[in-house]
PDB file of N, CA and C in Angstrom:
ATOM      1  N   MET A   1      27.443-130.820 110.162  1.00  0.00           N
ATOM      2  CA  MET A   1      28.586-131.693 110.001  1.00  0.00           C
ATOM      3  C   MET A   1      29.109-131.512 108.581  1.00  0.00           C
ATOM      4  N   LYS A   2      30.424-131.407 108.461  1.00  0.00           N
ATOM      5  CA  LYS A   2      31.056-131.283 107.145  1.00  0.00           C
ATOM      6  C   LYS A   2      31.723-132.605 106.780  1.00  0.00           C
ATOM      7  N   ILE A   3      31.385-133.093 105.575  1.00  0.00           N
ATOM      8  CA  ILE A   3      32.024-134.285 105.035  1.00  0.00           C
ATOM      9  C   ILE A   3      32.433-133.989 103.596  1.00  0.00           C
ATOM     10  N   ILE A   4      33.218-134.869 103.028  1.00  0.00           N
ATOM     11  CA  ILE A   4      33.631-134.739 101.635  1.00  0.00           C
ATOM     12  C   ILE A   4      32.921-135.843 100.844  1.00  0.00           C
ATOM     13  N   VAL A   5      32.172-135.454  99.816  1.00  0.00           N
ATOM     14  CA  VAL A   5      31.480-136.420  98.966  1.00  0.00           C
ATOM     15  C   VAL A   5      31.984-136.233  97.543  1.00  0.00           C
ATOM     16  N   ASN A   6      32.590-137.279  97.019  1.00  0.00           N
ATOM     17  CA  ASN A   6      33.154-137.242  95.665  1.00  0.00           C
ATOM     18  C   ASN A   6      34.050-136.026  95.465  1.00  0.00           C
ATOM     19  N   GLY A   7      34.854-135.735  96.476  1.00  0.00           N
ATOM     20  CA  GLY A   7      35.839-134.669  96.380  1.00  0.00           C
ATOM     21  C   GLY A   7      35.334-133.273  96.698  1.00  0.00           C
ATOM     22  N   LYS A   8      34.046-133.131  97.012  1.00  0.00           N
ATOM     23  CA  LYS A   8      33.482-131.810  97.298  1.00  0.00           C
ATOM     24  C   LYS A   8      32.927-131.784  98.720  1.00  0.00           C
ATOM     25  N   GLU A   9      33.221-130.692  99.415  1.00  0.00           N
ATOM     26  CA  GLU A   9      32.745-130.559 100.783  1.00  0.00           C
ATOM     27  C   GLU A   9      31.233-130.338 100.807  1.00  0.00           C
ATOM     28  N   GLN A  10      30.577-131.036 101.726  1.00  0.00           N
ATOM     29  CA  GLN A  10      29.147-130.843 101.951  1.00  0.00           C
ATOM     30  C   GLN A  10      28.935-130.541 103.428  1.00  0.00           C
ATOM     31  N   ASP A  11      28.032-129.624 103.687  1.00  0.00           N
ATOM     32  CA  ASP A  11      27.664-129.281 105.058  1.00  0.00           C
ATOM     33  C   ASP A  11      26.272-129.834 105.295  1.00  0.00           C
ATOM     34  N   LEU A  12      26.180-130.864 106.139  1.00  0.00           N
ATOM     35  CA  LEU A  12      24.916-131.556 106.369  1.00  0.00           C
ATOM     36  C   LEU A  12      24.399-131.273 107.770  1.00  0.00           C
ATOM     37  N   LYS A  13      23.086-131.217 107.877  1.00  0.00           N
ATOM     38  CA  LYS A  13      22.465-131.028 109.197  1.00  0.00           C
ATOM     39  C   LYS A  13      22.328-132.382 109.862  1.00  0.00           C
ATOM     40  N   GLY A  14      22.682-132.442 111.123  1.00  0.00           N
ATOM     41  CA  GLY A  14      22.585-133.677 111.884  1.00  0.00           C
ATOM     42  C   GLY A  14      23.965-134.181 112.254  1.00  0.00           C
ATOM     43  N   ASP A  15      23.990-135.080 113.207  1.00  0.00           N
ATOM     44  CA  ASP A  15      25.277-135.610 113.645  1.00  0.00           C
ATOM     45  C   ASP A  15      25.293-137.129 113.645  1.00  0.00           C
ATOM     46  N   SER A  16      24.227-137.748 113.136  1.00  0.00           N
ATOM     47  CA  SER A  16      24.165-139.201 113.082  1.00  0.00           C
ATOM     48  C   SER A  16      23.493-139.590 111.765  1.00  0.00           C
ATOM     49  N   LEU A  17      24.265-139.499 110.681  1.00  0.00           N
ATOM     50  CA  LEU A  17      23.714-139.743 109.356  1.00  0.00           C
ATOM     51  C   LEU A  17      24.304-141.017 108.765  1.00  0.00           C
ATOM     52  N   SER A  18      23.427-141.890 108.288  1.00  0.00           N
ATOM     53  CA  SER A  18      23.880-143.148 107.691  1.00  0.00           C
ATOM     54  C   SER A  18      24.353-142.926 106.260  1.00  0.00           C
ATOM     55  N   LEU A  19      25.091-143.893 105.746  1.00  0.00           N
ATOM     56  CA  LEU A  19      25.488-143.826 104.346  1.00  0.00           C
ATOM     57  C   LEU A  19      24.267-143.809 103.436  1.00  0.00           C
ATOM     58  N   LEU A  20      23.219-144.537 103.801  1.00  0.00           N
ATOM     59  CA  LEU A  20      21.996-144.529 102.999  1.00  0.00           C
ATOM     60  C   LEU A  20      21.399-143.120 102.955  1.00  0.00           C
ATOM     61  N   HIS A  21      21.450-142.415 104.081  1.00  0.00           N
ATOM     62  CA  HIS A  21      20.974-141.027 104.122  1.00  0.00           C
ATOM     63  C   HIS A  21      21.820-140.151 103.184  1.00  0.00           C
ATOM     64  N   ILE A  22      23.118-140.353 103.197  1.00  0.00           N
ATOM     65  CA  ILE A  22      24.014-139.569 102.323  1.00  0.00           C
ATOM     66  C   ILE A  22      23.685-139.848 100.854  1.00  0.00           C
ATOM     67  N   LEU A  23      23.443-141.108 100.514  1.00  0.00           N
ATOM     68  CA  LEU A  23      23.054-141.459  99.145  1.00  0.00           C
ATOM     69  C   LEU A  23      21.757-140.751  98.760  1.00  0.00           C
ATOM     70  N   THR A  24      20.785-140.751  99.661  1.00  0.00           N
ATOM     71  CA  THR A  24      19.501-140.103  99.401  1.00  0.00           C
ATOM     72  C   THR A  24      19.674-138.601  99.248  1.00  0.00           C
ATOM     73  N   GLU A  25      20.463-137.995 100.133  1.00  0.00           N
ATOM     74  CA  GLU A  25      20.711-136.546 100.065  1.00  0.00           C
ATOM     75  C   GLU A  25      21.382-136.143  98.749  1.00  0.00           C
ATOM     76  N   ASN A  26      22.124-137.058  98.157  1.00  0.00           N
ATOM     77  CA  ASN A  26      22.831-136.769  96.911  1.00  0.00           C
ATOM     78  C   ASN A  26      22.074-137.282  95.688  1.00  0.00           C
ATOM     79  N   ASN A  27      20.782-137.547  95.873  1.00  0.00           N
ATOM     80  CA  ASN A  27      19.886-137.932  94.788  1.00  0.00           C
ATOM     81  C   ASN A  27      20.335-139.162  94.008  1.00  0.00           C
ATOM     82  N   VAL A  28      20.929-140.122  94.710  1.00  0.00           N
ATOM     83  CA  VAL A  28      21.291-141.379  94.069  1.00  0.00           C
ATOM     84  C   VAL A  28      20.014-142.199  93.944  1.00  0.00           C
ATOM     85  N   LYS A  29      19.577-142.411  92.707  1.00  0.00           N
ATOM     86  CA  LYS A  29      18.288-143.057  92.460  1.00  0.00           C
ATOM     87  C   LYS A  29      18.328-144.566  92.673  1.00  0.00           C
ATOM     88  N   LYS A  30      19.431-145.212  92.339  1.00  0.00           N
ATOM     89  CA  LYS A  30      19.536-146.661  92.466  1.00  0.00           C
ATOM     90  C   LYS A  30      20.758-147.020  93.301  1.00  0.00           C
ATOM     91  N   PRO A  31      20.652-146.928  94.630  1.00  0.00           N
ATOM     92  CA  PRO A  31      21.823-147.210  95.473  1.00  0.00           C
ATOM     93  C   PRO A  31      22.373-148.618  95.286  1.00  0.00           C
ATOM     94  N   GLU A  32      21.533-149.539  94.812  1.00  0.00           N
ATOM     95  CA  GLU A  32      22.011-150.902  94.573  1.00  0.00           C
ATOM     96  C   GLU A  32      22.975-150.983  93.393  1.00  0.00           C
ATOM     97  N   MET A  33      23.061-149.926  92.600  1.00  0.00           N
ATOM     98  CA  MET A  33      23.957-149.887  91.446  1.00  0.00           C
ATOM     99  C   MET A  33      25.234-149.087  91.721  1.00  0.00           C
ATOM    100  N   VAL A  34      25.440-148.701  92.977  1.00  0.00           N
ATOM    101  CA  VAL A  34      26.566-147.839  93.341  1.00  0.00           C
ATOM    102  C   VAL A  34      27.438-148.559  94.373  1.00  0.00           C
ATOM    103  N   SER A  35      28.743-148.470  94.167  1.00  0.00           N
ATOM    104  CA  SER A  35      29.678-148.911  95.204  1.00  0.00           C
ATOM    105  C   SER A  35      30.069-147.675  95.998  1.00  0.00           C
ATOM    106  N   VAL A  36      30.220-147.855  97.298  1.00  0.00           N
ATOM    107  CA  VAL A  36      30.539-146.721  98.170  1.00  0.00           C
ATOM    108  C   VAL A  36      31.830-147.002  98.915  1.00  0.00           C
ATOM    109  N   GLN A  37      32.699-145.992  98.901  1.00  0.00           N
ATOM    110  CA  GLN A  37      33.904-146.033  99.722  1.00  0.00           C
ATOM    111  C   GLN A  37      33.745-145.008 100.829  1.00  0.00           C
ATOM    112  N   LEU A  38      34.089-145.423 102.033  1.00  0.00           N
ATOM    113  CA  LEU A  38      34.115-144.515 103.179  1.00  0.00           C
ATOM    114  C   LEU A  38      35.551-144.473 103.666  1.00  0.00           C
ATOM    115  N   ASN A  39      36.162-143.304 103.545  1.00  0.00           N
ATOM    116  CA  ASN A  39      37.570-143.126 103.925  1.00  0.00           C
ATOM    117  C   ASN A  39      38.464-144.173 103.258  1.00  0.00           C
ATOM    118  N   GLY A  40      38.181-144.439 101.982  1.00  0.00           N
ATOM    119  CA  GLY A  40      39.028-145.329 101.186  1.00  0.00           C
ATOM    120  C   GLY A  40      38.702-146.802 101.286  1.00  0.00           C
ATOM    121  N   GLU A  41      37.713-147.168 102.098  1.00  0.00           N
ATOM    122  CA  GLU A  41      37.354-148.576 102.250  1.00  0.00           C
ATOM    123  C   GLU A  41      35.970-148.830 101.665  1.00  0.00           C
ATOM    124  N   PHE A  42      35.858-149.897 100.842  1.00  0.00           N
ATOM    125  CA  PHE A  42      34.563-150.246 100.281  1.00  0.00           C
ATOM    126  C   PHE A  42      33.627-150.736 101.374  1.00  0.00           C
ATOM    127  N   ILE A  43      32.368-150.321 101.275  1.00  0.00           N
ATOM    128  CA  ILE A  43      31.343-150.692 102.244  1.00  0.00           C
ATOM    129  C   ILE A  43      30.333-151.599 101.555  1.00  0.00           C
ATOM    130  N   ASP A  44      30.007-152.714 102.186  1.00  0.00           N
ATOM    131  CA  ASP A  44      29.016-153.634 101.658  1.00  0.00           C
ATOM    132  C   ASP A  44      27.644-152.952 101.658  1.00  0.00           C
ATOM    133  N   GLN A  45      26.898-153.138 100.578  1.00  0.00           N
ATOM    134  CA  GLN A  45      25.592-152.487 100.448  1.00  0.00           C
ATOM    135  C   GLN A  45      24.645-152.830 101.590  1.00  0.00           C
ATOM    136  N   ASP A  46      24.767-154.012 102.151  1.00  0.00           N
ATOM    137  CA  ASP A  46      23.907-154.407 103.267  1.00  0.00           C
ATOM    138  C   ASP A  46      24.127-153.535 104.500  1.00  0.00           C
ATOM    139  N   ASN A  47      25.238-152.808 104.531  1.00  0.00           N
ATOM    140  CA  ASN A  47      25.577-151.979 105.695  1.00  0.00           C
ATOM    141  C   ASN A  47      25.316-150.490 105.495  1.00  0.00           C
ATOM    142  N   PHE A  48      24.796-150.087 104.331  1.00  0.00           N
ATOM    143  CA  PHE A  48      24.576-148.666 104.063  1.00  0.00           C
ATOM    144  C   PHE A  48      23.710-148.004 105.128  1.00  0.00           C
ATOM    145  N   ASN A  49      22.753-148.735 105.671  1.00  0.00           N
ATOM    146  CA  ASN A  49      21.853-148.151 106.663  1.00  0.00           C
ATOM    147  C   ASN A  49      22.395-148.280 108.088  1.00  0.00           C
ATOM    148  N   HIS A  50      23.505-148.996 108.256  1.00  0.00           N
ATOM    149  CA  HIS A  50      24.039-149.262 109.591  1.00  0.00           C
ATOM    150  C   HIS A  50      25.373-148.572 109.871  1.00  0.00           C
ATOM    151  N   ILE A  51      25.937-147.951 108.853  1.00  0.00           N
ATOM    152  CA  ILE A  51      27.216-147.253 109.029  1.00  0.00           C
ATOM    153  C   ILE A  51      26.949-145.758 108.952  1.00  0.00           C
ATOM    154  N   PHE A  52      27.458-145.049 109.934  1.00  0.00           N
ATOM    155  CA  PHE A  52      27.202-143.624 110.061  1.00  0.00           C
ATOM    156  C   PHE A  52      28.483-142.830 109.826  1.00  0.00           C
ATOM    157  N   VAL A  53      28.339-141.698 109.149  1.00  0.00           N
ATOM    158  CA  VAL A  53      29.491-140.851 108.847  1.00  0.00           C
ATOM    159  C   VAL A  53      29.765-139.925 110.027  1.00  0.00           C
ATOM    160  N   LYS A  54      31.028-139.488 110.080  1.00  0.00           N
ATOM    161  CA  LYS A  54      31.464-138.551 111.104  1.00  0.00           C
ATOM    162  C   LYS A  54      32.043-137.315 110.415  1.00  0.00           C
ATOM    163  N   GLU A  55      32.191-136.280 111.177  1.00  0.00           N
ATOM    164  CA  GLU A  55      32.812-135.039 110.693  1.00  0.00           C
ATOM    165  C   GLU A  55      34.114-135.361 109.957  1.00  0.00           C
ATOM    166  N   LYS A  56      34.285-134.758 108.791  1.00  0.00           N
ATOM    167  CA  LYS A  56      35.484-134.858 107.952  1.00  0.00           C
ATOM    168  C   LYS A  56      35.660-136.211 107.265  1.00  0.00           C
ATOM    169  N   ASP A  57      34.661-137.110 107.358  1.00  0.00           N
ATOM    170  CA  ASP A  57      34.740-138.366 106.606  1.00  0.00           C
ATOM    171  C   ASP A  57      34.714-138.067 105.114  1.00  0.00           C
ATOM    172  N   GLU A  58      35.305-138.978 104.356  1.00  0.00           N
ATOM    173  CA  GLU A  58      35.296-138.881 102.897  1.00  0.00           C
ATOM    174  C   GLU A  58      34.494-140.035 102.329  1.00  0.00           C
ATOM    175  N   VAL A  59      33.472-139.684 101.547  1.00  0.00           N
ATOM    176  CA  VAL A  59      32.586-140.668 100.935  1.00  0.00           C
ATOM    177  C   VAL A  59      32.703-140.527  99.425  1.00  0.00           C
ATOM    178  N   ASP A  60      32.891-141.649  98.756  1.00  0.00           N
ATOM    179  CA  ASP A  60      32.948-141.645  97.299  1.00  0.00           C
ATOM    180  C   ASP A  60      31.937-142.637  96.760  1.00  0.00           C
ATOM    181  N   PHE A  61      31.163-142.194  95.753  1.00  0.00           N
ATOM    182  CA  PHE A  61      30.225-143.060  95.055  1.00  0.00           C
ATOM    183  C   PHE A  61      30.882-143.478  93.745  1.00  0.00           C
ATOM    184  N   LEU A  62      30.920-144.751  93.487  1.00  0.00           N
ATOM    185  CA  LEU A  62      31.530-145.268  92.266  1.00  0.00           C
ATOM    186  C   LEU A  62      30.456-145.975  91.454  1.00  0.00           C
ATOM    187  N   TYR A  63      30.244-145.473  90.248  1.00  0.00           N
ATOM    188  CA  TYR A  63      29.239-146.042  89.360  1.00  0.00           C
ATOM    189  C   TYR A  63      29.950-146.913  88.334  1.00  0.00           C
ATOM    190  N   PHE A  64      29.534-148.151  88.246  1.00  0.00           N
ATOM    191  CA  PHE A  64      30.140-149.057  87.277  1.00  0.00           C
ATOM    192  C   PHE A  64      29.204-149.191  86.091  1.00  0.00           C
ATOM    193  N   MET A  65      29.753-148.918  84.919  1.00  0.00           N
ATOM    194  CA  MET A  65      28.964-148.971  83.704  1.00  0.00           C
ATOM    195  C   MET A  65      29.323-150.203  82.910  1.00  0.00           C
ATOM    196  N   GLY A  66      28.315-150.876  82.439  1.00  0.00           N
ATOM    197  CA  GLY A  66      28.552-152.000  81.550  1.00  0.00           C
ATOM    198  C   GLY A  66      28.855-151.475  80.164  1.00  0.00           C
ATOM    199  N   GLY A  67      29.524-152.256  79.421  1.00  0.00           N
ATOM    200  CA  GLY A  67      29.836-151.820  78.066  1.00  0.00           C
ATOM    201  C   GLY A  67      30.170-153.001  77.201  1.00  0.00           C
ATOM    202  N   GLY A  68      30.314-152.745  75.977  1.00  0.00           N
ATOM    203  CA  GLY A  68      30.627-153.812  75.050  1.00  0.00           C
ATOM    204  C   GLY A  68      31.848-153.460  74.237  1.00  0.00           C
ATOM    205  N   SER A  69      32.147-154.306  73.352  1.00  0.00           N
ATOM    206  CA  SER A  69      33.291-154.109  72.464  1.00  0.00           C
ATOM    207  C   SER A  69      32.939-153.083  71.410  1.00  0.00           C
ATOM    208  N   ASN A  70      33.926-152.247  71.075  1.00  0.00           N
ATOM    209  CA  ASN A  70      33.704-151.281  70.010  1.00  0.00           C
ATOM    210  C   ASN A  70      34.269-151.772  68.678  1.00  0.00           C
ATOM    211  N   GLY A  71      34.633-153.034  68.643  1.00  0.00           N
ATOM    212  CA  GLY A  71      35.109-153.620  67.398  1.00  0.00           C
ATOM    213  C   GLY A  71      36.594-153.504  67.161  1.00  0.00           C
ATOM    214  N   ASN A  72      37.323-152.907  68.091  1.00  0.00           N
ATOM    215  CA  ASN A  72      38.780-152.776  67.910  1.00  0.00           C
ATOM    216  C   ASN A  72      39.517-153.878  68.580  1.00  0.00           C
TER     217      ASN A  72
END
């Protein structure tokens, strides 16, 4: 199955892969720290193991970084 992950095509084996599987395949160490969009829609983390990707789906991982003021 071919999907797009963060703008790059990936060819994955299998036809019933969950978002959690995709996160694992892409070496995401802390999935609880990542927001995921599937075809442009945000997916609740509680559903990562229950939502399955299909051929040509687009998955984006968004990492939010905390930061502070730089004094400006």
